[in-house]
Amino acid sequence: MKAPATWLRLCVSMAPLEEKELEKFTRRLRDLPVQQGSERIPGAQLQRATAGETSGLLLCYYGEDYAVQVAEGTLRAAGCALQADWLRRILQYHWAHQCNRTFLCYVLQVWYYVFKLKT
């Protein structure tokens, strides 16, 4: 399950936001036009939400991939480019790590089948 990892990454990128920055972020998030098929997060839920609660709301309403896109775009729009860059770096490291692990699993599977054919 990837959702807890994505939630943690969103939290880490938003945790350094000061109260005014988080308010600006949630204000921008409230006014954000959402993609077709997605429902906007109700303003009442965002009004007093912490960074962790906001991360959870993003995941609940938008799913993992779109939540990350929305968070990064909203962070940039709210003037928090540093946190948006941090989120991007965290995700790039994560995907690179996942790709390396997937490649290793593939190599092991090939090795297993080659060994199995020889016996």
Protein backbone atom coordinates (compact mmCIF):
# COMPACT_ATOMS: atom_id res chain seq x y z
CA MET A 1 0.00 0.00 0.00
CA LYS A 2 1.51 3.29 -1.11
CA ALA A 3 -0.95 5.73 0.48
CA PRO A 4 0.78 5.96 3.91
CA ALA A 5 4.11 6.63 2.19
CA THR A 6 2.55 9.31 -0.02
CA TRP A 7 0.81 10.85 3.00
CA LEU A 8 4.12 10.97 4.84
CA ARG A 9 5.85 12.62 1.87
CA LEU A 10 3.10 15.24 1.64
CA CYS A 11 3.35 15.87 5.39
CA VAL A 12 7.13 16.24 5.23
CA SER A 13 6.85 18.79 2.44
CA MET A 14 4.15 20.82 4.23
CA ALA A 15 5.34 20.52 7.83
CA PRO A 16 7.82 23.43 7.58
CA LEU A 17 5.05 25.80 6.49
CA GLU A 18 4.37 28.56 8.99
CA GLU A 19 0.78 29.16 10.03
CA LYS A 20 0.27 32.00 7.52
CA GLU A 21 1.80 29.94 4.71
CA LEU A 22 -0.45 26.99 5.54
CA GLU A 23 -3.48 29.32 5.54
CA LYS A 24 -2.43 30.67 2.14
CA PHE A 25 -1.96 27.11 0.89
CA THR A 26 -5.42 26.02 2.05
CA ARG A 27 -6.99 29.20 0.62
CA ARG A 28 -5.44 28.43 -2.77
CA LEU A 29 -6.50 24.81 -2.42
CA ARG A 30 -10.10 25.86 -1.72
CA ASP A 31 -10.22 27.92 -4.92
CA LEU A 32 -8.43 25.36 -7.07
CA PRO A 33 -10.28 24.15 -10.17
CA VAL A 34 -10.19 20.35 -10.02
CA GLN A 35 -9.95 17.83 -12.83
CA GLN A 36 -13.10 16.23 -14.15
CA GLY A 37 -14.26 13.38 -11.96
CA SER A 38 -12.74 14.87 -8.80
CA GLU A 39 -14.61 16.63 -6.04
CA ARG A 40 -13.28 19.80 -4.45
CA ILE A 41 -12.28 19.56 -0.78
CA PRO A 42 -14.92 21.42 1.28
CA GLY A 43 -13.62 24.71 2.65
CA ALA A 44 -14.96 23.92 6.12
CA GLN A 45 -12.67 20.90 6.35
CA LEU A 46 -9.65 22.91 5.24
CA GLN A 47 -10.31 25.89 7.49
CA ARG A 48 -8.49 24.66 10.59
CA ALA A 49 -6.69 21.62 9.18
CA THR A 50 -3.08 20.94 10.12
CA ALA A 51 -0.48 19.96 7.53
CA GLY A 52 -1.10 16.28 8.30
CA GLU A 53 -4.87 16.63 8.07
CA THR A 54 -4.54 18.56 4.82
CA SER A 55 -2.33 15.79 3.42
CA GLY A 56 -4.97 13.24 4.37
CA LEU A 57 -7.72 15.30 2.74
CA LEU A 58 -5.67 15.60 -0.45
CA LEU A 59 -5.29 11.82 -0.61
CA CYS A 60 -8.94 11.12 0.22
CA TYR A 61 -10.36 13.54 -2.34
CA TYR A 62 -7.82 13.26 -5.17
CA GLY A 63 -6.02 9.93 -4.89
CA GLU A 64 -2.24 9.53 -4.70
CA ASP A 65 -1.04 10.76 -8.08
CA TYR A 66 -3.38 13.71 -8.44
CA ALA A 67 -2.92 14.68 -4.77
CA VAL A 68 0.81 15.09 -5.33
CA GLN A 69 0.22 17.17 -8.47
CA VAL A 70 -2.28 19.38 -6.64
CA ALA A 71 -0.01 19.78 -3.62
CA GLU A 72 3.01 20.74 -5.71
CA GLY A 73 1.05 23.19 -7.86
CA THR A 74 -0.71 24.73 -4.88
CA LEU A 75 2.55 25.09 -2.94
CA ARG A 76 4.04 26.97 -5.90
CA ALA A 77 0.93 29.15 -6.28
CA ALA A 78 1.04 29.96 -2.57
CA GLY A 79 4.64 31.18 -2.87
CA CYS A 80 6.15 28.09 -1.23
CA ALA A 81 8.41 26.99 -4.08
CA LEU A 82 11.00 25.58 -1.66
CA GLN A 83 8.48 23.11 -0.21
CA ALA A 84 7.23 22.25 -3.73
CA ASP A 85 10.82 21.51 -4.79
CA TRP A 86 11.31 19.44 -1.65
CA LEU A 87 8.21 17.40 -2.46
CA ARG A 88 9.46 16.84 -6.02
CA ARG A 89 12.90 15.71 -4.73
CA ILE A 90 11.35 13.30 -2.24
CA LEU A 91 9.23 11.77 -4.98
CA GLN A 92 12.11 11.55 -7.46
CA TYR A 93 14.20 9.70 -4.88
CA HIS A 94 11.27 7.40 -4.14
CA TRP A 95 10.65 6.54 -7.81
CA ALA A 96 14.35 6.02 -8.50
CA HIS A 97 14.52 3.68 -5.52
CA GLN A 98 11.40 1.82 -6.69
CA CYS A 99 12.82 1.47 -10.22
CA ASN A 100 16.07 0.04 -8.87
CA ARG A 101 14.18 -2.43 -6.72
CA THR A 102 11.94 -3.41 -9.66
CA PHE A 103 15.00 -3.93 -11.87
CA LEU A 104 16.63 -6.09 -9.20
CA CYS A 105 13.47 -8.21 -8.91
CA TYR A 106 13.42 -8.60 -12.69
CA VAL A 107 17.06 -9.72 -12.77
CA LEU A 108 16.39 -12.23 -9.99
CA GLN A 109 13.37 -13.61 -11.84
CA VAL A 110 15.36 -14.01 -15.06
CA TRP A 111 18.17 -15.69 -13.14
CA TYR A 112 15.66 -18.02 -11.49
CA TYR A 113 14.14 -19.09 -14.82
CA VAL A 114 17.53 -19.54 -16.50
CA PHE A 115 18.67 -21.68 -13.57
CA LYS A 116 15.40 -23.64 -13.68
CA LEU A 117 15.80 -24.34 -17.43
CA LYS A 118 19.32 -25.70 -16.92
CA THR A 119 18.24 -28.24 -14.31
